[in-house]
N, C-alpha and C. Protein backbone atom coordinates (compact mmCIF):
# COMPACT_ATOMS: atom_id res chain seq x y z
N MET A 1 6.40 -3.40 -12.44
CA MET A 1 5.11 -3.90 -11.97
C MET A 1 5.20 -5.42 -11.78
N CYS A 2 4.60 -5.87 -10.73
CA CYS A 2 4.62 -7.30 -10.40
C CYS A 2 3.68 -8.06 -11.34
N ALA A 3 4.12 -9.22 -11.78
CA ALA A 3 3.30 -10.02 -12.69
C ALA A 3 2.11 -10.66 -11.99
N TYR A 4 2.22 -10.85 -10.67
CA TYR A 4 1.15 -11.50 -9.92
C TYR A 4 0.75 -10.63 -8.74
N PRO A 5 -0.54 -10.57 -8.43
CA PRO A 5 -0.96 -9.86 -7.21
C PRO A 5 -0.36 -10.54 -5.99
N ALA A 6 -0.10 -9.78 -4.95
CA ALA A 6 0.50 -10.33 -3.73
C ALA A 6 -0.32 -11.48 -3.17
N GLY A 7 -1.63 -11.38 -3.22
CA GLY A 7 -2.48 -12.45 -2.70
C GLY A 7 -2.24 -13.76 -3.42
N ALA A 8 -2.06 -13.70 -4.73
CA ALA A 8 -1.81 -14.92 -5.50
C ALA A 8 -0.46 -15.52 -5.12
N LEU A 9 0.51 -14.68 -4.84
CA LEU A 9 1.83 -15.18 -4.44
C LEU A 9 1.77 -15.86 -3.08
N LEU A 10 0.93 -15.37 -2.20
CA LEU A 10 0.84 -15.92 -0.85
C LEU A 10 -0.09 -17.13 -0.76
N ASP A 11 -1.01 -17.26 -1.69
CA ASP A 11 -1.98 -18.36 -1.62
C ASP A 11 -1.34 -19.74 -1.55
N GLY A 12 -0.26 -19.94 -2.26
CA GLY A 12 0.36 -21.26 -2.29
C GLY A 12 1.39 -21.49 -1.21
N GLN A 13 1.58 -20.52 -0.33
CA GLN A 13 2.61 -20.62 0.70
C GLN A 13 2.07 -21.34 1.94
N PRO A 14 2.98 -21.99 2.66
CA PRO A 14 2.57 -22.60 3.93
C PRO A 14 2.12 -21.53 4.92
N ALA A 15 1.30 -21.92 5.87
CA ALA A 15 0.77 -20.98 6.85
C ALA A 15 1.88 -20.24 7.60
N ALA A 16 2.98 -20.91 7.87
CA ALA A 16 4.08 -20.26 8.59
C ALA A 16 4.67 -19.11 7.79
N VAL A 17 4.74 -19.27 6.49
CA VAL A 17 5.27 -18.20 5.63
C VAL A 17 4.30 -17.04 5.60
N VAL A 18 3.02 -17.33 5.45
CA VAL A 18 2.00 -16.27 5.43
C VAL A 18 2.02 -15.51 6.75
N ASP A 19 2.16 -16.21 7.85
CA ASP A 19 2.23 -15.56 9.17
C ASP A 19 3.46 -14.66 9.26
N ARG A 20 4.58 -15.13 8.74
CA ARG A 20 5.81 -14.33 8.78
C ARG A 20 5.66 -13.06 7.94
N VAL A 21 5.06 -13.19 6.77
CA VAL A 21 4.83 -12.02 5.92
C VAL A 21 3.89 -11.04 6.61
N ARG A 22 2.85 -11.56 7.23
CA ARG A 22 1.88 -10.71 7.93
C ARG A 22 2.54 -9.96 9.09
N ARG A 23 3.36 -10.63 9.85
CA ARG A 23 4.06 -9.97 10.96
C ARG A 23 4.99 -8.87 10.45
N ALA A 24 5.69 -9.13 9.35
CA ALA A 24 6.58 -8.12 8.77
C ALA A 24 5.77 -6.93 8.27
N TYR A 25 4.65 -7.19 7.61
CA TYR A 25 3.78 -6.10 7.12
C TYR A 25 3.26 -5.28 8.30
N ASP A 26 2.80 -5.95 9.33
CA ASP A 26 2.28 -5.24 10.51
C ASP A 26 3.36 -4.38 11.15
N GLN A 27 4.59 -4.89 11.19
CA GLN A 27 5.70 -4.13 11.78
C GLN A 27 6.01 -2.88 10.95
N VAL A 28 6.07 -3.03 9.65
CA VAL A 28 6.40 -1.90 8.77
C VAL A 28 5.27 -0.87 8.77
N SER A 29 4.04 -1.32 8.76
CA SER A 29 2.91 -0.40 8.65
C SER A 29 2.51 0.23 9.99
N ALA A 30 3.01 -0.27 11.09
CA ALA A 30 2.63 0.24 12.42
C ALA A 30 2.86 1.74 12.56
N ALA A 31 3.90 2.24 11.93
CA ALA A 31 4.21 3.68 12.02
C ALA A 31 3.15 4.54 11.35
N TYR A 32 2.32 3.95 10.51
CA TYR A 32 1.32 4.70 9.76
C TYR A 32 -0.11 4.48 10.23
N LEU A 33 -0.28 3.89 11.41
CA LEU A 33 -1.63 3.69 11.93
C LEU A 33 -2.12 4.96 12.61
N ASP A 34 -3.37 5.32 12.35
CA ASP A 34 -3.94 6.49 13.03
C ASP A 34 -4.45 6.05 14.40
N PRO A 35 -4.92 6.99 15.22
CA PRO A 35 -5.38 6.63 16.57
C PRO A 35 -6.47 5.57 16.60
N ASP A 36 -7.23 5.43 15.51
CA ASP A 36 -8.29 4.42 15.46
C ASP A 36 -7.79 3.08 14.93
N GLY A 37 -6.48 2.99 14.62
CA GLY A 37 -5.92 1.74 14.12
C GLY A 37 -6.05 1.55 12.63
N ARG A 38 -6.46 2.59 11.92
CA ARG A 38 -6.58 2.50 10.46
C ARG A 38 -5.26 2.90 9.81
N LEU A 39 -4.94 2.28 8.70
CA LEU A 39 -3.72 2.59 7.98
C LEU A 39 -3.90 3.92 7.26
N ALA A 40 -3.02 4.87 7.53
CA ALA A 40 -3.08 6.21 6.94
C ALA A 40 -1.73 6.51 6.30
N LEU A 41 -1.54 6.05 5.07
CA LEU A 41 -0.28 6.24 4.38
C LEU A 41 -0.13 7.68 3.91
N PRO A 42 1.07 8.25 4.07
CA PRO A 42 1.29 9.61 3.60
C PRO A 42 1.28 9.64 2.07
N THR A 43 0.57 10.58 1.53
CA THR A 43 0.49 10.71 0.08
C THR A 43 0.56 12.18 -0.29
N ALA A 44 0.81 12.43 -1.53
CA ALA A 44 0.82 13.80 -2.03
C ALA A 44 0.25 13.79 -3.44
N ALA A 45 -0.36 14.89 -3.79
CA ALA A 45 -0.91 15.02 -5.14
C ALA A 45 -0.70 16.44 -5.61
N LEU A 46 -0.39 16.59 -6.86
CA LEU A 46 -0.26 17.91 -7.46
C LEU A 46 -1.37 18.05 -8.47
N LEU A 47 -2.25 18.98 -8.23
CA LEU A 47 -3.38 19.21 -9.13
C LEU A 47 -3.19 20.56 -9.80
N ALA A 48 -3.51 20.60 -11.07
CA ALA A 48 -3.38 21.85 -11.81
C ALA A 48 -4.48 21.93 -12.86
N ALA A 49 -4.82 23.14 -13.21
CA ALA A 49 -5.80 23.36 -14.27
C ALA A 49 -5.37 24.61 -15.03
N GLY A 50 -5.74 24.67 -16.25
CA GLY A 50 -5.36 25.84 -17.03
C GLY A 50 -6.19 25.93 -18.29
N THR A 51 -6.08 27.05 -18.94
CA THR A 51 -6.75 27.27 -20.21
C THR A 51 -5.76 27.91 -21.17
N VAL A 52 -5.97 27.69 -22.43
CA VAL A 52 -5.15 28.31 -23.46
C VAL A 52 -6.01 29.35 -24.14
N THR A 53 -5.49 30.56 -24.23
CA THR A 53 -6.21 31.63 -24.93
C THR A 53 -5.35 32.12 -26.08
N GLY A 54 -6.00 32.63 -27.04
CA GLY A 54 -5.27 33.20 -28.18
C GLY A 54 -4.87 32.12 -29.18
N PRO A 55 -4.09 32.54 -30.18
CA PRO A 55 -3.72 31.60 -31.25
C PRO A 55 -2.77 30.52 -30.83
């Protein structure tokens, strides 16, 4: 786990660095944009429920 949120890491950076990070993020995330331009990351979840009966 990162000790600092990404925003805090970028706050002290020059504008050119922030722009470079933003362009890289946009490039990586482009494959996951839905037709409306919203980010739709693939996820999975395993849900289970159960009961214990008897001794």
